[in-house]
Amino acid sequence: MNQRIKFILILLSLAAAITLAVFGYRALSGHYDEKTPPKAAAQEANPAADFTVVDADGNSVKLSDFFGKPIIINFWASWCGPCLSELPAFDLAYQSYGDEIVFLMVNLTDGYSETVSGVTAFVQENGYSFPVYFDTQYEGAESYNVSSIPLTVLIDKDGNLYQSHLGAMREETLRTYIGNLLGVSE
């Protein structure tokens, strides 16, 4: 066979493979829309794992202390770029919905790169109004198998896991989750 024909056949095969890959990807991932989180389907009760953290005054606080209202837990650290990108959205949401939803902004406080005093100063310097809790014993991180941050866990008013979101969240997505938790359309 002529070199030119071989080359054309190889190019056509490559183009067909790329076309199949593109259409296959679109077909398999068509259900995913980054802008709008999925609404959780009606599901059986899945109780949220309880854990204890400390507040800025050193008082122990348990997750279960807040059952009765929807809860949004955000595991984060001040050295985490994606965490920092979503903190303003969480602060705005806290200002808007802090009476209806409990926001637990749980800092993974290791005592070295993250300290209670350093994180408290960071929050004050940036003017954030949400309450920060410190996971100094990594009890919350272990309870929710946190291996990557930011991780946001949503819990319904009855103390059941509703949904979780790994990675930085945009404000629109957070508001949709809040609407879902409150049972209203955002």
Protein backbone atom coordinates (compact mmCIF):
# COMPACT_ATOMS: atom_id res chain seq x y z
CA MET A 1 0.00 0.00 0.00
CA ASN A 2 1.15 3.46 -0.79
CA GLN A 3 2.58 5.58 2.09
CA ARG A 4 0.10 8.31 1.35
CA ILE A 5 -2.89 5.96 1.67
CA LYS A 6 -1.51 4.54 4.94
CA PHE A 7 -1.15 8.06 6.30
CA ILE A 8 -4.72 8.97 5.32
CA LEU A 9 -6.09 5.77 6.87
CA ILE A 10 -4.21 6.47 10.12
CA LEU A 11 -5.57 10.04 10.21
CA LEU A 12 -9.13 8.83 9.56
CA SER A 13 -8.79 6.18 12.29
CA LEU A 14 -7.48 8.76 14.72
CA ALA A 15 -10.29 11.18 13.86
CA ALA A 16 -12.87 8.41 14.34
CA ALA A 17 -11.37 7.48 17.73
CA ILE A 18 -11.41 11.11 18.89
CA THR A 19 -15.00 11.56 17.68
CA LEU A 20 -16.10 8.41 19.52
CA ALA A 21 -14.29 9.55 22.67
CA VAL A 22 -15.95 12.97 22.59
CA PHE A 23 -19.44 11.63 22.02
CA GLY A 24 -18.92 8.84 24.54
CA TYR A 25 -17.75 11.31 27.17
CA ARG A 26 -20.73 13.58 26.54
CA ALA A 27 -23.17 10.68 26.71
CA LEU A 28 -21.71 9.28 29.92
CA SER A 29 -21.32 12.59 31.71
CA GLY A 30 -24.42 14.36 30.38
CA HIS A 31 -26.20 13.95 33.72
CA TYR A 32 -23.59 16.07 35.52
CA ASP A 33 -23.98 19.83 35.72
CA GLU A 34 -21.37 21.55 37.87
CA LYS A 35 -23.54 24.62 38.38
CA THR A 36 -26.50 22.81 39.87
CA PRO A 37 -26.06 20.16 42.53
CA PRO A 38 -28.43 17.24 42.28
CA LYS A 39 -31.42 17.17 44.56
CA ALA A 40 -31.15 14.30 46.97
CA ALA A 41 -33.77 11.67 46.34
CA ALA A 42 -36.00 10.54 49.14
CA GLN A 43 -33.86 8.21 51.13
CA GLU A 44 -33.81 6.17 54.27
CA ALA A 45 -32.48 7.74 57.43
CA ASN A 46 -28.70 7.83 57.47
CA PRO A 47 -27.68 9.31 60.83
CA ALA A 48 -24.78 11.74 60.74
CA ALA A 49 -21.71 10.63 62.67
CA ASP A 50 -21.31 12.70 65.82
CA PHE A 51 -17.99 14.33 66.68
CA THR A 52 -16.60 16.94 69.04
CA VAL A 53 -14.65 20.10 68.14
CA VAL A 54 -13.77 23.19 70.13
CA ASP A 55 -14.89 26.77 69.62
CA ALA A 56 -12.63 29.85 69.76
CA ASP A 57 -13.02 29.96 73.56
CA GLY A 58 -11.89 26.35 73.96
CA ASN A 59 -15.37 24.99 74.75
CA SER A 60 -16.19 21.50 73.48
CA VAL A 61 -19.02 21.44 70.95
CA LYS A 62 -20.69 18.31 69.57
CA LEU A 63 -22.32 18.09 66.18
CA SER A 64 -25.41 16.56 67.81
CA ASP A 65 -25.83 19.75 69.86
CA PHE A 66 -27.14 21.34 66.67
CA PHE A 67 -29.62 18.68 65.53
CA GLY A 68 -33.07 20.20 65.01
CA LYS A 69 -31.89 22.58 62.28
CA PRO A 70 -30.21 21.80 58.97
CA ILE A 71 -26.42 21.84 59.31
CA ILE A 72 -23.69 22.64 56.82
CA ILE A 73 -20.24 21.43 57.86
CA ASN A 74 -17.29 22.75 55.90
CA PHE A 75 -13.89 21.16 56.56
CA TRP A 76 -11.16 23.61 55.58
CA ALA A 77 -7.70 25.05 56.31
CA SER A 78 -6.21 28.49 55.76
CA TRP A 79 -3.36 27.09 53.62
CA CYS A 80 -5.81 25.49 51.18
CA GLY A 81 -6.33 27.62 48.06
CA PRO A 82 -9.67 26.05 47.04
CA CYS A 83 -10.89 26.49 50.64
CA LEU A 84 -10.00 30.18 50.57
CA SER A 85 -11.84 30.66 47.27
CA GLU A 86 -15.15 29.49 48.77
CA LEU A 87 -14.98 31.19 52.19
CA PRO A 88 -16.57 34.46 50.96
CA ALA A 89 -19.59 32.49 49.65
CA PHE A 90 -19.93 30.70 52.98
CA ASP A 91 -19.75 34.00 54.82
CA LEU A 92 -22.50 35.52 52.64
CA ALA A 93 -24.63 32.39 53.12
CA TYR A 94 -24.09 32.53 56.88
CA GLN A 95 -25.17 36.18 56.93
CA SER A 96 -28.31 35.33 54.94
CA TYR A 97 -29.27 31.98 56.46
CA GLY A 98 -27.48 31.81 59.82
CA ASP A 99 -30.81 31.85 61.68
CA GLU A 100 -32.21 28.93 59.67
CA ILE A 101 -29.12 26.76 59.13
CA VAL A 102 -26.22 25.95 61.42
CA PHE A 103 -22.86 26.61 59.76
CA LEU A 104 -19.98 24.62 61.22
CA MET A 105 -16.83 25.93 59.61
CA VAL A 106 -14.47 23.24 60.90
CA ASN A 107 -10.80 24.11 60.62
CA LEU A 108 -8.42 21.16 60.51
CA THR A 109 -6.16 22.46 63.26
CA ASP A 110 -2.92 20.50 63.45
CA GLY A 111 -1.11 22.82 65.87
CA TYR A 112 1.67 23.59 63.36
CA SER A 113 0.49 25.02 60.04
CA GLU A 114 -2.96 25.63 61.56
CA THR A 115 -3.24 26.94 65.11
CA VAL A 116 -6.29 28.23 66.96
CA SER A 117 -4.72 31.67 67.39
CA GLY A 118 -3.47 31.85 63.80
CA VAL A 119 -6.80 30.82 62.31
CA THR A 120 -8.71 33.17 64.63
CA ALA A 121 -6.48 36.04 63.44
CA PHE A 122 -6.97 34.96 59.80
CA VAL A 123 -10.77 34.97 60.18
CA GLN A 124 -10.73 38.39 61.87
CA GLU A 125 -8.34 39.90 59.30
CA ASN A 126 -10.63 38.78 56.47
CA GLY A 127 -13.78 40.02 58.21
CA TYR A 128 -15.57 36.67 58.19
CA SER A 129 -18.59 36.50 60.45
CA PHE A 130 -19.26 32.75 60.43
CA PRO A 131 -18.38 30.77 63.55
CA VAL A 132 -15.20 28.71 63.32
CA TYR A 133 -14.68 25.45 65.14
CA PHE A 134 -11.33 23.75 65.57
CA ASP A 135 -10.82 20.05 64.96
CA THR A 136 -7.70 19.80 67.11
CA GLN A 137 -8.06 16.05 67.64
CA TYR A 138 -9.18 15.36 64.03
CA GLU A 139 -12.32 13.70 65.40
CA GLY A 140 -14.53 15.35 62.77
CA ALA A 141 -12.06 14.59 60.00
CA GLU A 142 -11.95 10.93 61.02
CA SER A 143 -15.74 10.71 61.40
CA TYR A 144 -16.22 11.90 57.81
CA ASN A 145 -13.11 10.29 56.28
CA VAL A 146 -11.75 13.67 55.23
CA SER A 147 -8.83 12.96 52.94
CA SER A 148 -9.13 16.05 50.77
CA ILE A 149 -10.40 19.56 51.45
CA PRO A 150 -12.53 21.49 51.14
CA LEU A 151 -15.25 19.02 51.99
CA THR A 152 -18.78 20.19 52.70
CA VAL A 153 -21.28 17.88 54.40
CA LEU A 154 -24.98 18.70 54.53
CA ILE A 155 -27.16 17.30 57.30
CA ASP A 156 -30.94 17.63 57.49
CA LYS A 157 -32.79 18.96 60.53
CA ASP A 158 -33.31 15.41 61.81
CA GLY A 159 -29.57 14.74 61.98
CA ASN A 160 -29.37 12.61 58.83
CA LEU A 161 -26.74 12.92 56.13
CA TYR A 162 -28.25 14.69 53.17
CA GLN A 163 -25.38 15.16 50.75
CA SER A 164 -21.70 16.03 50.52
CA HIS A 165 -19.60 18.07 48.15
CA LEU A 166 -15.86 17.62 47.65
CA GLY A 167 -13.91 20.58 46.32
CA ALA A 168 -14.44 24.31 46.16
CA MET A 169 -18.04 25.36 45.81
CA ARG A 170 -19.39 28.33 43.93
CA GLU A 171 -21.90 30.62 45.60
CA GLU A 172 -24.73 29.53 43.26
CA THR A 173 -24.13 25.88 44.11
CA LEU A 174 -24.08 26.60 47.84
CA ARG A 175 -27.36 28.51 47.56
CA THR A 176 -28.93 25.61 45.67
CA TYR A 177 -27.85 23.21 48.42
CA ILE A 178 -29.31 25.58 51.00
CA GLY A 179 -32.59 25.73 49.09
CA ASN A 180 -32.67 21.94 48.99
CA LEU A 181 -32.00 21.69 52.74
CA LEU A 182 -34.71 24.22 53.51
CA GLY A 183 -37.14 22.67 51.02
CA VAL A 184 -37.41 25.81 48.88
CA SER A 185 -36.27 26.60 45.37
CA GLU A 186 -33.40 29.01 45.18
